[in-house]
PDB file of N, CA and C in Angstrom:
ATOM      1  N   MET A   1     -41.475  24.517  13.345  1.00  0.00           N
ATOM      2  CA  MET A   1     -40.099  25.318  13.175  1.00  0.00           C
ATOM      3  C   MET A   1     -39.209  24.923  14.168  1.00  0.00           C
ATOM      4  N   HIS A   2     -39.663  24.049  15.066  1.00  0.00           N
ATOM      5  CA  HIS A   2     -38.577  23.762  15.590  1.00  0.00           C
ATOM      6  C   HIS A   2     -37.919  22.488  15.158  1.00  0.00           C
ATOM      7  N   TYR A   3     -38.761  21.606  14.514  1.00  0.00           N
ATOM      8  CA  TYR A   3     -38.080  20.726  13.642  1.00  0.00           C
ATOM      9  C   TYR A   3     -36.907  21.147  12.446  1.00  0.00           C
ATOM     10  N   THR A   4     -37.085  21.852  11.799  1.00  0.00           N
ATOM     11  CA  THR A   4     -36.261  22.499  11.196  1.00  0.00           C
ATOM     12  C   THR A   4     -34.940  23.227  11.611  1.00  0.00           C
ATOM     13  N   ARG A   5     -35.225  23.808  12.484  1.00  0.00           N
ATOM     14  CA  ARG A   5     -33.794  24.371  13.422  1.00  0.00           C
ATOM     15  C   ARG A   5     -33.002  22.840  13.991  1.00  0.00           C
ATOM     16  N   GLN A   6     -33.688  22.156  14.623  1.00  0.00           N
ATOM     17  CA  GLN A   6     -32.898  20.872  14.939  1.00  0.00           C
ATOM     18  C   GLN A   6     -32.475  20.013  13.980  1.00  0.00           C
ATOM     19  N   SER A   7     -33.008  20.285  12.529  1.00  0.00           N
ATOM     20  CA  SER A   7     -32.393  19.416  11.572  1.00  0.00           C
ATOM     21  C   SER A   7     -31.269  20.249  11.057  1.00  0.00           C
ATOM     22  N   GLY A   8     -31.091  21.866  11.348  1.00  0.00           N
ATOM     23  CA  GLY A   8     -30.131  22.337  10.635  1.00  0.00           C
ATOM     24  C   GLY A   8     -28.825  21.982  11.670  1.00  0.00           C
ATOM     25  N   ILE A   9     -29.145  22.023  13.172  1.00  0.00           N
ATOM     26  CA  ILE A   9     -28.490  21.749  13.880  1.00  0.00           C
ATOM     27  C   ILE A   9     -27.645  20.508  13.912  1.00  0.00           C
ATOM     28  N   ASN A  10     -28.438  19.907  13.582  1.00  0.00           N
ATOM     29  CA  ASN A  10     -28.030  18.045  13.332  1.00  0.00           C
ATOM     30  C   ASN A  10     -27.118  17.991  11.811  1.00  0.00           C
ATOM     31  N   LEU A  11     -27.704  18.490  10.793  1.00  0.00           N
ATOM     32  CA  LEU A  11     -26.768  18.654   9.781  1.00  0.00           C
ATOM     33  C   LEU A  11     -25.019  19.311   9.984  1.00  0.00           C
ATOM     34  N   PHE A  12     -24.872  20.755  10.788  1.00  0.00           N
ATOM     35  CA  PHE A  12     -24.009  21.339  10.909  1.00  0.00           C
ATOM     36  C   PHE A  12     -23.087  20.462  11.778  1.00  0.00           C
ATOM     37  N   LYS A  13     -23.680  19.465  12.836  1.00  0.00           N
ATOM     38  CA  LYS A  13     -23.070  18.700  13.427  1.00  0.00           C
ATOM     39  C   LYS A  13     -22.171  17.532  12.688  1.00  0.00           C
ATOM     40  N   LYS A  14     -23.017  17.028  11.629  1.00  0.00           N
ATOM     41  CA  LYS A  14     -22.628  16.530  10.556  1.00  0.00           C
ATOM     42  C   LYS A  14     -21.279  16.873   9.423  1.00  0.00           C
ATOM     43  N   PHE A  15     -21.824  18.137   9.339  1.00  0.00           N
ATOM     44  CA  PHE A  15     -20.649  18.732   8.620  1.00  0.00           C
ATOM     45  C   PHE A  15     -19.526  18.921   9.437  1.00  0.00           C
ATOM     46  N   GLU A  16     -19.426  18.955  11.015  1.00  0.00           N
ATOM     47  CA  GLU A  16     -18.494  19.648  11.489  1.00  0.00           C
ATOM     48  C   GLU A  16     -17.234  17.701  11.941  1.00  0.00           C
ATOM     49  N   ASP A  17     -18.514  17.109  11.711  1.00  0.00           N
ATOM     50  CA  ASP A  17     -17.769  15.667  11.705  1.00  0.00           C
ATOM     51  C   ASP A  17     -16.736  15.452  10.690  1.00  0.00           C
ATOM     52  N   TRP A  18     -17.759  15.621   9.308  1.00  0.00           N
ATOM     53  CA  TRP A  18     -17.063  15.076   8.245  1.00  0.00           C
ATOM     54  C   TRP A  18     -15.762  16.094   7.944  1.00  0.00           C
ATOM     55  N   ILE A  19     -15.441  17.504   8.543  1.00  0.00           N
ATOM     56  CA  ILE A  19     -14.755  18.133   8.255  1.00  0.00           C
ATOM     57  C   ILE A  19     -13.380  17.351   8.997  1.00  0.00           C
ATOM     58  N   LEU A  20     -13.311  17.452  10.783  1.00  0.00           N
ATOM     59  CA  LEU A  20     -12.617  16.776  10.995  1.00  0.00           C
ATOM     60  C   LEU A  20     -12.149  15.393  10.853  1.00  0.00           C
ATOM     61  N   VAL A  21     -12.617  14.432  10.363  1.00  0.00           N
ATOM     62  CA  VAL A  21     -12.761  13.020   9.892  1.00  0.00           C
ATOM     63  C   VAL A  21     -11.537  13.495   8.770  1.00  0.00           C
ATOM     64  N   SER A  22     -12.168  14.111   7.770  1.00  0.00           N
ATOM     65  CA  SER A  22     -11.268  14.410   6.292  1.00  0.00           C
ATOM     66  C   SER A  22     -10.028  15.192   6.698  1.00  0.00           C
ATOM     67  N   GLN A  23      -9.832  15.898   7.927  1.00  0.00           N
ATOM     68  CA  GLN A  23      -8.887  16.815   7.872  1.00  0.00           C
ATOM     69  C   GLN A  23      -7.865  15.715   8.782  1.00  0.00           C
ATOM     70  N   LYS A  24      -8.104  14.586   9.466  1.00  0.00           N
ATOM     71  CA  LYS A  24      -7.559  13.869  10.178  1.00  0.00           C
ATOM     72  C   LYS A  24      -6.757  12.862   8.904  1.00  0.00           C
ATOM     73  N   ALA A  25      -7.338  12.453   7.999  1.00  0.00           N
ATOM     74  CA  ALA A  25      -7.483  11.618   7.042  1.00  0.00           C
ATOM     75  C   ALA A  25      -6.198  12.359   6.362  1.00  0.00           C
ATOM     76  N   GLY A  26      -6.448  13.576   5.994  1.00  0.00           N
ATOM     77  CA  GLY A  26      -5.451  14.136   5.257  1.00  0.00           C
ATOM     78  C   GLY A  26      -3.702  14.426   5.782  1.00  0.00           C
ATOM     79  N   MET A  27      -3.870  14.621   6.845  1.00  0.00           N
ATOM     80  CA  MET A  27      -2.559  14.627   7.858  1.00  0.00           C
ATOM     81  C   MET A  27      -2.127  13.342   7.942  1.00  0.00           C
ATOM     82  N   ASP A  28      -2.853  12.290   7.991  1.00  0.00           N
ATOM     83  CA  ASP A  28      -2.397  11.064   7.936  1.00  0.00           C
ATOM     84  C   ASP A  28      -1.460  10.741   6.655  1.00  0.00           C
ATOM     85  N   THR A  29      -2.452  11.168   5.558  1.00  0.00           N
ATOM     86  CA  THR A  29      -1.800  10.505   4.352  1.00  0.00           C
ATOM     87  C   THR A  29      -0.358  11.872   4.265  1.00  0.00           C
ATOM     88  N   ILE A  30      -0.545  12.840   4.306  1.00  0.00           N
ATOM     89  CA  ILE A  30       0.671  13.635   4.526  1.00  0.00           C
ATOM     90  C   ILE A  30       2.098  12.948   5.323  1.00  0.00           C
ATOM     91  N   GLU A  31       1.296  12.427   6.503  1.00  0.00           N
ATOM     92  CA  GLU A  31       2.389  11.613   7.696  1.00  0.00           C
ATOM     93  C   GLU A  31       3.267  10.277   6.782  1.00  0.00           C
ATOM     94  N   GLU A  32       2.263   9.632   5.899  1.00  0.00           N
ATOM     95  CA  GLU A  32       3.025   8.960   5.142  1.00  0.00           C
ATOM     96  C   GLU A  32       4.088   8.757   4.025  1.00  0.00           C
ATOM     97  N   MET A  33       3.663  10.224   3.526  1.00  0.00           N
ATOM     98  CA  MET A  33       4.665  10.588   2.529  1.00  0.00           C
ATOM     99  C   MET A  33       5.827  11.221   3.020  1.00  0.00           C
ATOM    100  N   CYS A  34       5.918  11.673   4.183  1.00  0.00           N
ATOM    101  CA  CYS A  34       6.691  12.155   4.960  1.00  0.00           C
ATOM    102  C   CYS A  34       7.589  10.966   5.329  1.00  0.00           C
ATOM    103  N   THR A  35       7.012  10.178   5.972  1.00  0.00           N
ATOM    104  CA  THR A  35       7.840   9.152   6.225  1.00  0.00           C
ATOM    105  C   THR A  35       9.097   8.663   5.067  1.00  0.00           C
ATOM    106  N   VAL A  36       8.230   8.302   3.841  1.00  0.00           N
ATOM    107  CA  VAL A  36       9.061   7.849   2.644  1.00  0.00           C
ATOM    108  C   VAL A  36       9.950   8.600   2.563  1.00  0.00           C
ATOM    109  N   ILE A  37       9.496  10.246   2.674  1.00  0.00           N
ATOM    110  CA  ILE A  37      10.627  11.016   2.263  1.00  0.00           C
ATOM    111  C   ILE A  37      11.802  11.147   3.249  1.00  0.00           C
ATOM    112  N   LYS A  38      11.565  11.262   4.381  1.00  0.00           N
ATOM    113  CA  LYS A  38      12.568  10.882   5.194  1.00  0.00           C
ATOM    114  C   LYS A  38      13.661   9.961   5.637  1.00  0.00           C
ATOM    115  N   LYS A  39      12.930   8.458   4.949  1.00  0.00           N
ATOM    116  CA  LYS A  39      13.710   7.632   4.875  1.00  0.00           C
ATOM    117  C   LYS A  39      14.889   7.220   3.730  1.00  0.00           C
ATOM    118  N   ALA A  40      14.233   7.928   2.446  1.00  0.00           N
ATOM    119  CA  ALA A  40      15.108   8.314   1.326  1.00  0.00           C
ATOM    120  C   ALA A  40      15.789   9.227   1.817  1.00  0.00           C
ATOM    121  N   ILE A  41      15.548  10.417   2.568  1.00  0.00           N
ATOM    122  CA  ILE A  41      16.887  11.552   2.973  1.00  0.00           C
ATOM    123  C   ILE A  41      18.101  10.574   4.202  1.00  0.00           C
ATOM    124  N   GLU A  42      17.471   9.665   4.960  1.00  0.00           N
ATOM    125  CA  GLU A  42      18.271   9.444   5.681  1.00  0.00           C
ATOM    126  C   GLU A  42      19.202   8.420   5.136  1.00  0.00           C
ATOM    127  N   ASP A  43      18.779   7.568   4.407  1.00  0.00           N
ATOM    128  CA  ASP A  43      19.617   6.437   3.296  1.00  0.00           C
ATOM    129  C   ASP A  43      20.496   7.244   2.200  1.00  0.00           C
ATOM    130  N   GLU A  44      20.326   8.612   1.946  1.00  0.00           N
ATOM    131  CA  GLU A  44      20.686   9.116   1.020  1.00  0.00           C
ATOM    132  C   GLU A  44      20.390   8.753  -0.265  1.00  0.00           C
ATOM    133  N   VAL A  45      19.609   8.104  -0.492  1.00  0.00           N
ATOM    134  CA  VAL A  45      18.951   7.900  -1.871  1.00  0.00           C
ATOM    135  C   VAL A  45      17.889   8.623  -2.236  1.00  0.00           C
ATOM    136  N   LYS A  46      17.948   8.429  -3.772  1.00  0.00           N
ATOM    137  CA  LYS A  46      17.111   9.581  -4.532  1.00  0.00           C
ATOM    138  C   LYS A  46      15.885   8.915  -4.716  1.00  0.00           C
ATOM    139  N   ILE A  47      14.608   9.235  -4.726  1.00  0.00           N
ATOM    140  CA  ILE A  47      13.158   8.588  -4.554  1.00  0.00           C
ATOM    141  C   ILE A  47      13.055   8.459  -6.401  1.00  0.00           C
ATOM    142  N   GLN A  48      13.425   7.274  -6.919  1.00  0.00           N
ATOM    143  CA  GLN A  48      12.884   6.908  -8.240  1.00  0.00           C
ATOM    144  C   GLN A  48      11.426   6.724  -8.717  1.00  0.00           C
ATOM    145  N   HIS A  49      10.656   6.573  -7.664  1.00  0.00           N
ATOM    146  CA  HIS A  49       9.173   6.704  -8.407  1.00  0.00           C
ATOM    147  C   HIS A  49       8.529   7.702  -7.763  1.00  0.00           C
ATOM    148  N   GLU A  50       7.134   8.032  -8.926  1.00  0.00           N
ATOM    149  CA  GLU A  50       6.709   9.342  -8.270  1.00  0.00           C
ATOM    150  C   GLU A  50       5.487   8.951  -7.088  1.00  0.00           C
ATOM    151  N   LEU A  51       5.749   9.706  -6.286  1.00  0.00           N
ATOM    152  CA  LEU A  51       4.623  10.029  -5.017  1.00  0.00           C
ATOM    153  C   LEU A  51       3.443  10.648  -5.135  1.00  0.00           C
ATOM    154  N   ARG A  52       2.514  10.133  -5.085  1.00  0.00           N
ATOM    155  CA  ARG A  52       1.344  10.963  -5.279  1.00  0.00           C
ATOM    156  C   ARG A  52       0.432  11.149  -3.655  1.00  0.00           C
ATOM    157  N   ILE A  53      -0.449  12.069  -3.761  1.00  0.00           N
ATOM    158  CA  ILE A  53      -1.189  12.311  -2.849  1.00  0.00           C
ATOM    159  C   ILE A  53      -2.546  12.600  -4.054  1.00  0.00           C
ATOM    160  N   LYS A  54      -3.682  11.687  -3.613  1.00  0.00           N
ATOM    161  CA  LYS A  54      -4.997  11.507  -4.433  1.00  0.00           C
ATOM    162  C   LYS A  54      -6.255  11.583  -3.633  1.00  0.00           C
ATOM    163  N   PHE A  55      -6.816  12.778  -3.434  1.00  0.00           N
ATOM    164  CA  PHE A  55      -7.953  13.510  -2.258  1.00  0.00           C
ATOM    165  C   PHE A  55      -6.883  12.758  -1.127  1.00  0.00           C
ATOM    166  N   MET A  56      -7.328  11.768  -0.539  1.00  0.00           N
ATOM    167  CA  MET A  56      -6.912  11.304   1.011  1.00  0.00           C
ATOM    168  C   MET A  56      -5.836   9.574   0.881  1.00  0.00           C
ATOM    169  N   ASP A  57      -5.653   9.689  -0.169  1.00  0.00           N
ATOM    170  CA  ASP A  57      -4.937   8.283  -0.541  1.00  0.00           C
ATOM    171  C   ASP A  57      -3.294   8.881  -0.767  1.00  0.00           C
ATOM    172  N   PHE A  58      -2.415   7.979  -0.583  1.00  0.00           N
ATOM    173  CA  PHE A  58      -1.508   8.440  -0.796  1.00  0.00           C
ATOM    174  C   PHE A  58      -0.348   6.984  -1.592  1.00  0.00           C
ATOM    175  N   THR A  59       0.250   7.394  -2.642  1.00  0.00           N
ATOM    176  CA  THR A  59       0.729   5.822  -3.274  1.00  0.00           C
ATOM    177  C   THR A  59       1.857   6.216  -4.048  1.00  0.00           C
ATOM    178  N   VAL A  60       2.982   5.388  -4.223  1.00  0.00           N
ATOM    179  CA  VAL A  60       3.963   5.480  -4.786  1.00  0.00           C
ATOM    180  C   VAL A  60       3.466   4.602  -6.112  1.00  0.00           C
ATOM    181  N   ASP A  61       3.473   5.667  -7.331  1.00  0.00           N
ATOM    182  CA  ASP A  61       3.336   4.995  -8.090  1.00  0.00           C
ATOM    183  C   ASP A  61       4.975   4.397  -9.417  1.00  0.00           C
ATOM    184  N   ASP A  62       4.440   3.373  -9.482  1.00  0.00           N
ATOM    185  CA  ASP A  62       5.563   2.491  -9.942  1.00  0.00           C
ATOM    186  C   ASP A  62       5.794   2.822 -11.540  1.00  0.00           C
ATOM    187  N   THR A  63       5.016   3.233 -11.847  1.00  0.00           N
ATOM    188  CA  THR A  63       5.056   3.484 -13.409  1.00  0.00           C
ATOM    189  C   THR A  63       5.700   4.770 -14.291  1.00  0.00           C
ATOM    190  N   VAL A  64       5.772   5.561 -13.345  1.00  0.00           N
ATOM    191  CA  VAL A  64       6.419   6.882 -13.371  1.00  0.00           C
ATOM    192  C   VAL A  64       7.641   7.094 -12.422  1.00  0.00           C
ATOM    193  N   LEU A  65       8.600   7.317 -13.493  1.00  0.00           N
ATOM    194  CA  LEU A  65      10.190   7.587 -12.854  1.00  0.00           C
ATOM    195  C   LEU A  65      10.048   9.058 -12.972  1.00  0.00           C
ATOM    196  N   ASN A  66      11.256   9.229 -11.669  1.00  0.00           N
ATOM    197  CA  ASN A  66      11.418  10.953 -11.644  1.00  0.00           C
ATOM    198  C   ASN A  66      12.608  11.126 -12.275  1.00  0.00           C
ATOM    199  N   TYR A  67      13.223  10.331 -12.764  1.00  0.00           N
ATOM    200  CA  TYR A  67      14.668  10.441 -13.304  1.00  0.00           C
ATOM    201  C   TYR A  67      14.977   9.071 -14.126  1.00  0.00           C
ATOM    202  N   ILE A  68      15.648   9.188 -15.199  1.00  0.00           N
ATOM    203  CA  ILE A  68      15.857   7.610 -16.033  1.00  0.00           C
ATOM    204  C   ILE A  68      17.562   6.913 -15.481  1.00  0.00           C
ATOM    205  N   ASN A  69      17.575   5.895 -15.068  1.00  0.00           N
ATOM    206  CA  ASN A  69      18.415   5.361 -14.555  1.00  0.00           C
ATOM    207  C   ASN A  69      19.105   4.370 -15.508  1.00  0.00           C
ATOM    208  N   PRO A  70      20.316   4.377 -15.887  1.00  0.00           N
ATOM    209  CA  PRO A  70      21.011   5.486 -16.062  1.00  0.00           C
ATOM    210  C   PRO A  70      20.773   6.340 -16.995  1.00  0.00           C
ATOM    211  N   PRO A  71      21.705   7.627 -16.514  1.00  0.00           N
ATOM    212  CA  PRO A  71      20.818   8.742 -17.274  1.00  0.00           C
ATOM    213  C   PRO A  71      21.582   8.905 -18.655  1.00  0.00           C
ATOM    214  N   ILE A  72      20.800   9.519 -19.359  1.00  0.00           N
ATOM    215  CA  ILE A  72      20.846   9.708 -20.682  1.00  0.00           C
ATOM    216  C   ILE A  72      22.259  10.564 -21.114  1.00  0.00           C
ATOM    217  N   PRO A  73      23.277   9.787 -22.054  1.00  0.00           N
ATOM    218  CA  PRO A  73      24.614  10.241 -21.905  1.00  0.00           C
ATOM    219  C   PRO A  73      24.690  12.028 -22.432  1.00  0.00           C
ATOM    220  N   LYS A  74      25.579  12.745 -22.075  1.00  0.00           N
ATOM    221  CA  LYS A  74      25.478  13.998 -22.531  1.00  0.00           C
ATOM    222  C   LYS A  74      26.334  14.234 -24.171  1.00  0.00           C
ATOM    223  N   LEU A  75      25.390  14.849 -24.900  1.00  0.00           N
ATOM    224  CA  LEU A  75      25.965  15.171 -25.938  1.00  0.00           C
ATOM    225  C   LEU A  75      26.994  16.068 -26.244  1.00  0.00           C
ATOM    226  N   GLU A  76      28.533  15.707 -27.081  1.00  0.00           N
ATOM    227  CA  GLU A  76      29.803  16.214 -27.382  1.00  0.00           C
ATOM    228  C   GLU A  76      29.222  17.899 -27.537  1.00  0.00           C
ATOM    229  N   ALA A  77      30.047  18.664 -27.007  1.00  0.00           N
ATOM    230  CA  ALA A  77      30.252  20.264 -27.367  1.00  0.00           C
ATOM    231  C   ALA A  77      30.196  20.283 -28.810  1.00  0.00           C
ATOM    232  N   ILE A  78      29.250  21.104 -29.504  1.00  0.00           N
ATOM    233  CA  ILE A  78      29.241  21.414 -31.250  1.00  0.00           C
ATOM    234  C   ILE A  78      30.402  22.305 -31.340  1.00  0.00           C
ATOM    235  N   GLU A  79      30.139  23.299 -30.743  1.00  0.00           N
ATOM    236  CA  GLU A  79      31.782  24.436 -30.888  1.00  0.00           C
ATOM    237  C   GLU A  79      32.839  23.541 -30.973  1.00  0.00           C
ATOM    238  N   GLU A  80      33.980  24.038 -31.454  1.00  0.00           N
ATOM    239  CA  GLU A  80      35.326  23.450 -30.888  1.00  0.00           C
ATOM    240  C   GLU A  80      35.951  24.414 -30.112  1.00  0.00           C
ATOM    241  N   TYR A  81      36.730  23.761 -29.248  1.00  0.00           N
ATOM    242  CA  TYR A  81      37.849  24.288 -28.032  1.00  0.00           C
ATOM    243  C   TYR A  81      38.771  24.932 -28.583  1.00  0.00           C
ATOM    244  N   ARG A  82      38.407  26.545 -28.476  1.00  0.00           N
ATOM    245  CA  ARG A  82      40.012  27.240 -28.563  1.00  0.00           C
ATOM    246  C   ARG A  82      40.443  28.086 -27.573  1.00  0.00           C
ATOM    247  N   GLU A  83      41.503  27.945 -27.370  1.00  0.00           N
ATOM    248  CA  GLU A  83      42.261  28.765 -26.068  1.00  0.00           C
ATOM    249  C   GLU A  83      42.124  30.493 -26.398  1.00  0.00           C
ATOM    250  N   ASP A  84      42.191  31.010 -27.667  1.00  0.00           N
ATOM    251  CA  ASP A  84      42.042  32.318 -27.883  1.00  0.00           C
ATOM    252  C   ASP A  84      40.454  33.085 -27.606  1.00  0.00           C
ATOM    253  N   ARG A  85      39.404  31.985 -27.515  1.00  0.00           N
ATOM    254  CA  ARG A  85      37.924  32.109 -27.108  1.00  0.00           C
ATOM    255  C   ARG A  85      37.690  31.834 -25.775  1.00  0.00           C
ATOM    256  N   PHE A  86      36.536  32.489 -24.952  1.00  0.00           N
ATOM    257  CA  PHE A  86      35.996  32.481 -23.563  1.00  0.00           C
ATOM    258  C   PHE A  86      34.878  31.512 -23.842  1.00  0.00           C
TER     259      PHE A  86
END
């Protein structure tokens, strides 16, 4: 009986350690992403490539673009412009 109780206590200690480690890793990942975003804000530049958080890893995905550079030209207006119409 005592062995089972001690095994349970040890298991819960491992869970607690795992939770603390995973929380710290997650916060470190978010901090890395914030650093990239903060630099873009300070440099006043757009973030061209997609930022990803997958589990506990932060990556900048160069294969996915957030916007097309240069932008696609806009189409001309279909309706004709007339002074008597709003």
